[in-house]
Amino acid sequence: MSDNGTEVGVDVAADGSAVVDLWRLRWYGLSLPEPLDVPDDVMRSVMRSAARSLRSAARSLRSAPRTEVRPGWFSVAG
């Protein structure tokens, strides 16, 4: 959690892969003032790229100092 209260929730499978619910992203897109519905093949391509970026970001946090702000929730110091 950052100083401004922003939280980032990340689900990770037992094998370390990112778990993403495409239906949540689709519902979000459809809820926008100008609804956006992205085809499945495009969504999967975007999610593969995002998963690579997320894994890279998570690896960079391994050595960062962390504080457990509540059970199972951590904040990166600094």
N, C-alpha and C. Protein backbone atom coordinates (compact mmCIF):
# COMPACT_ATOMS: atom_id res chain seq x y z
N MET A 1 0.84 -1.16 0.00
CA MET A 1 0.00 0.00 0.00
C MET A 1 0.90 1.24 0.00
N SER A 2 0.56 2.19 -0.85
CA SER A 2 1.38 3.40 -0.91
C SER A 2 0.88 4.43 0.11
N ASP A 3 1.61 5.52 0.25
CA ASP A 3 1.23 6.57 1.19
C ASP A 3 -0.13 7.18 0.86
N ASN A 4 -0.53 7.15 -0.44
CA ASN A 4 -1.81 7.74 -0.82
C ASN A 4 -2.96 6.74 -0.75
N GLY A 5 -2.70 5.52 -0.23
CA GLY A 5 -3.74 4.54 -0.06
C GLY A 5 -3.98 3.62 -1.24
N THR A 6 -3.18 3.77 -2.29
CA THR A 6 -3.34 2.92 -3.46
C THR A 6 -2.89 1.50 -3.14
N GLU A 7 -3.71 0.52 -3.48
CA GLU A 7 -3.38 -0.88 -3.27
C GLU A 7 -3.33 -1.57 -4.62
N VAL A 8 -2.42 -2.50 -4.75
CA VAL A 8 -2.35 -3.31 -5.95
C VAL A 8 -2.53 -4.75 -5.53
N GLY A 9 -3.58 -5.37 -6.04
CA GLY A 9 -3.84 -6.77 -5.73
C GLY A 9 -3.31 -7.64 -6.86
N VAL A 10 -2.57 -8.64 -6.52
CA VAL A 10 -2.01 -9.54 -7.52
C VAL A 10 -2.31 -10.97 -7.10
N ASP A 11 -2.91 -11.73 -7.99
CA ASP A 11 -3.14 -13.15 -7.74
C ASP A 11 -2.07 -13.94 -8.47
N VAL A 12 -1.47 -14.88 -7.79
CA VAL A 12 -0.41 -15.69 -8.38
C VAL A 12 -0.74 -17.16 -8.12
N ALA A 13 -0.66 -17.97 -9.16
CA ALA A 13 -0.91 -19.40 -9.03
C ALA A 13 0.25 -20.08 -8.32
N ALA A 14 0.05 -21.32 -7.91
CA ALA A 14 1.08 -22.06 -7.18
C ALA A 14 2.37 -22.17 -7.99
N ASP A 15 2.27 -22.17 -9.31
CA ASP A 15 3.47 -22.28 -10.15
C ASP A 15 4.14 -20.94 -10.40
N GLY A 16 3.59 -19.87 -9.80
CA GLY A 16 4.19 -18.55 -9.95
C GLY A 16 3.63 -17.73 -11.10
N SER A 17 2.72 -18.30 -11.87
CA SER A 17 2.16 -17.56 -13.00
C SER A 17 1.05 -16.62 -12.53
N ALA A 18 0.91 -15.52 -13.25
CA ALA A 18 -0.12 -14.54 -12.91
C ALA A 18 -1.49 -15.10 -13.27
N VAL A 19 -2.46 -14.83 -12.40
CA VAL A 19 -3.83 -15.26 -12.64
C VAL A 19 -4.64 -14.01 -12.96
N VAL A 20 -5.21 -13.99 -14.14
CA VAL A 20 -5.97 -12.82 -14.59
C VAL A 20 -7.35 -13.27 -15.02
N ASP A 21 -8.35 -12.55 -14.56
CA ASP A 21 -9.72 -12.84 -14.96
C ASP A 21 -10.08 -11.94 -16.14
N LEU A 22 -10.10 -12.52 -17.35
CA LEU A 22 -10.42 -11.72 -18.53
C LEU A 22 -11.84 -11.16 -18.44
N TRP A 23 -12.74 -11.90 -17.81
CA TRP A 23 -14.12 -11.41 -17.72
C TRP A 23 -14.20 -10.14 -16.90
N ARG A 24 -13.34 -10.00 -15.87
CA ARG A 24 -13.35 -8.76 -15.08
C ARG A 24 -12.90 -7.58 -15.94
N LEU A 25 -11.88 -7.80 -16.75
CA LEU A 25 -11.42 -6.73 -17.63
C LEU A 25 -12.49 -6.37 -18.66
N ARG A 26 -13.15 -7.39 -19.19
CA ARG A 26 -14.21 -7.13 -20.17
C ARG A 26 -15.34 -6.33 -19.52
N TRP A 27 -15.78 -6.73 -18.32
CA TRP A 27 -16.85 -5.99 -17.65
C TRP A 27 -16.43 -4.56 -17.35
N TYR A 28 -15.18 -4.37 -16.98
CA TYR A 28 -14.69 -3.01 -16.75
C TYR A 28 -14.79 -2.20 -18.04
N GLY A 29 -14.31 -2.77 -19.13
CA GLY A 29 -14.38 -2.07 -20.41
C GLY A 29 -15.80 -1.71 -20.80
N LEU A 30 -16.72 -2.62 -20.54
CA LEU A 30 -18.12 -2.37 -20.88
C LEU A 30 -18.77 -1.35 -19.96
N SER A 31 -18.16 -1.11 -18.78
CA SER A 31 -18.74 -0.16 -17.83
C SER A 31 -18.28 1.28 -18.08
N LEU A 32 -17.33 1.47 -18.98
CA LEU A 32 -16.82 2.81 -19.27
C LEU A 32 -17.89 3.68 -19.92
N PRO A 33 -17.77 5.02 -19.79
CA PRO A 33 -18.75 5.92 -20.43
C PRO A 33 -18.90 5.63 -21.93
N GLU A 34 -17.80 5.31 -22.58
CA GLU A 34 -17.84 4.85 -23.97
C GLU A 34 -17.41 3.39 -23.93
N PRO A 35 -18.37 2.46 -23.83
CA PRO A 35 -18.04 1.04 -23.64
C PRO A 35 -17.02 0.52 -24.64
N LEU A 36 -16.15 -0.31 -24.14
CA LEU A 36 -15.09 -0.92 -24.94
C LEU A 36 -15.16 -2.42 -24.76
N ASP A 37 -15.39 -3.15 -25.83
CA ASP A 37 -15.38 -4.60 -25.78
C ASP A 37 -14.25 -5.09 -26.67
N VAL A 38 -13.28 -5.72 -26.06
CA VAL A 38 -12.10 -6.18 -26.78
C VAL A 38 -12.25 -7.66 -27.12
N PRO A 39 -12.00 -8.06 -28.38
CA PRO A 39 -12.10 -9.47 -28.75
C PRO A 39 -11.14 -10.34 -27.92
N ASP A 40 -11.55 -11.60 -27.71
CA ASP A 40 -10.76 -12.52 -26.88
C ASP A 40 -9.31 -12.63 -27.32
N ASP A 41 -9.04 -12.75 -28.63
CA ASP A 41 -7.67 -12.93 -29.08
C ASP A 41 -6.81 -11.71 -28.78
N VAL A 42 -7.38 -10.53 -28.89
CA VAL A 42 -6.64 -9.30 -28.57
C VAL A 42 -6.40 -9.23 -27.06
N MET A 43 -7.43 -9.55 -26.30
CA MET A 43 -7.32 -9.52 -24.84
C MET A 43 -6.23 -10.48 -24.36
N ARG A 44 -6.19 -11.68 -24.91
CA ARG A 44 -5.17 -12.66 -24.50
C ARG A 44 -3.76 -12.17 -24.83
N SER A 45 -3.60 -11.55 -25.99
CA SER A 45 -2.29 -11.02 -26.37
C SER A 45 -1.85 -9.91 -25.41
N VAL A 46 -2.77 -9.04 -25.09
CA VAL A 46 -2.46 -7.94 -24.15
C VAL A 46 -2.11 -8.51 -22.78
N MET A 47 -2.86 -9.52 -22.34
CA MET A 47 -2.62 -10.10 -21.02
C MET A 47 -1.28 -10.83 -20.96
N ARG A 48 -0.87 -11.48 -22.04
CA ARG A 48 0.46 -12.12 -22.04
C ARG A 48 1.55 -11.08 -21.86
N SER A 49 1.42 -9.97 -22.55
CA SER A 49 2.41 -8.89 -22.41
C SER A 49 2.38 -8.31 -21.00
N ALA A 50 1.18 -8.10 -20.46
CA ALA A 50 1.06 -7.56 -19.11
C ALA A 50 1.62 -8.53 -18.08
N ALA A 51 1.41 -9.82 -18.28
CA ALA A 51 1.93 -10.82 -17.35
C ALA A 51 3.46 -10.79 -17.33
N ARG A 52 4.07 -10.62 -18.50
CA ARG A 52 5.54 -10.53 -18.54
C ARG A 52 6.01 -9.31 -17.76
N SER A 53 5.34 -8.18 -17.94
CA SER A 53 5.72 -6.96 -17.23
C SER A 53 5.51 -7.12 -15.73
N LEU A 54 4.41 -7.76 -15.34
CA LEU A 54 4.13 -7.98 -13.93
C LEU A 54 5.17 -8.88 -13.29
N ARG A 55 5.55 -9.95 -13.98
CA ARG A 55 6.60 -10.84 -13.44
C ARG A 55 7.90 -10.08 -13.26
N SER A 56 8.25 -9.25 -14.22
CA SER A 56 9.48 -8.46 -14.13
C SER A 56 9.41 -7.50 -12.94
N ALA A 57 8.27 -6.85 -12.77
CA ALA A 57 8.12 -5.92 -11.64
C ALA A 57 8.19 -6.66 -10.31
N ALA A 58 7.55 -7.82 -10.24
CA ALA A 58 7.57 -8.60 -9.00
C ALA A 58 8.98 -9.06 -8.67
N ARG A 59 9.75 -9.47 -9.68
CA ARG A 59 11.14 -9.88 -9.44
C ARG A 59 11.96 -8.72 -8.88
N SER A 60 11.69 -7.51 -9.38
CA SER A 60 12.46 -6.35 -8.91
C SER A 60 12.14 -6.02 -7.45
N LEU A 61 10.99 -6.48 -6.95
CA LEU A 61 10.60 -6.20 -5.57
C LEU A 61 11.17 -7.20 -4.57
N ARG A 62 11.75 -8.28 -5.05
CA ARG A 62 12.26 -9.32 -4.14
C ARG A 62 13.22 -8.77 -3.10
N SER A 63 14.10 -7.87 -3.54
CA SER A 63 15.11 -7.37 -2.62
C SER A 63 14.70 -6.05 -1.95
N ALA A 64 13.52 -5.53 -2.29
CA ALA A 64 13.07 -4.26 -1.70
C ALA A 64 12.65 -4.48 -0.25
N PRO A 65 12.94 -3.51 0.61
CA PRO A 65 12.49 -3.63 2.00
C PRO A 65 10.96 -3.55 2.05
N ARG A 66 10.34 -4.48 2.77
CA ARG A 66 8.89 -4.53 2.85
C ARG A 66 8.42 -4.49 4.29
N THR A 67 7.23 -3.95 4.48
CA THR A 67 6.59 -3.92 5.79
C THR A 67 5.22 -4.56 5.63
N GLU A 68 4.89 -5.50 6.51
CA GLU A 68 3.56 -6.11 6.47
C GLU A 68 2.60 -5.17 7.16
N VAL A 69 1.68 -4.57 6.39
CA VAL A 69 0.76 -3.58 6.94
C VAL A 69 -0.49 -4.21 7.54
N ARG A 70 -0.80 -5.42 7.13
CA ARG A 70 -1.82 -6.27 7.73
C ARG A 70 -1.53 -7.67 7.22
N PRO A 71 -2.05 -8.67 7.83
CA PRO A 71 -1.68 -10.04 7.44
C PRO A 71 -1.80 -10.30 5.93
N GLY A 72 -0.67 -10.63 5.33
CA GLY A 72 -0.65 -10.93 3.90
C GLY A 72 -0.58 -9.73 2.97
N TRP A 73 -0.56 -8.52 3.50
CA TRP A 73 -0.50 -7.29 2.70
C TRP A 73 0.80 -6.57 3.05
N PHE A 74 1.56 -6.20 2.02
CA PHE A 74 2.87 -5.60 2.24
C PHE A 74 2.97 -4.25 1.56
N SER A 75 3.80 -3.41 2.14
CA SER A 75 4.11 -2.11 1.57
C SER A 75 5.61 -2.08 1.32
N VAL A 76 6.00 -1.50 0.20
CA VAL A 76 7.43 -1.36 -0.10
C VAL A 76 7.88 -0.04 0.51
N ALA A 77 8.89 -0.13 1.37
CA ALA A 77 9.40 1.08 2.04
C ALA A 77 10.11 1.97 1.04
N GLY A 78 10.01 3.24 1.29
CA GLY A 78 10.75 4.18 0.47
C GLY A 78 9.90 4.92 -0.43
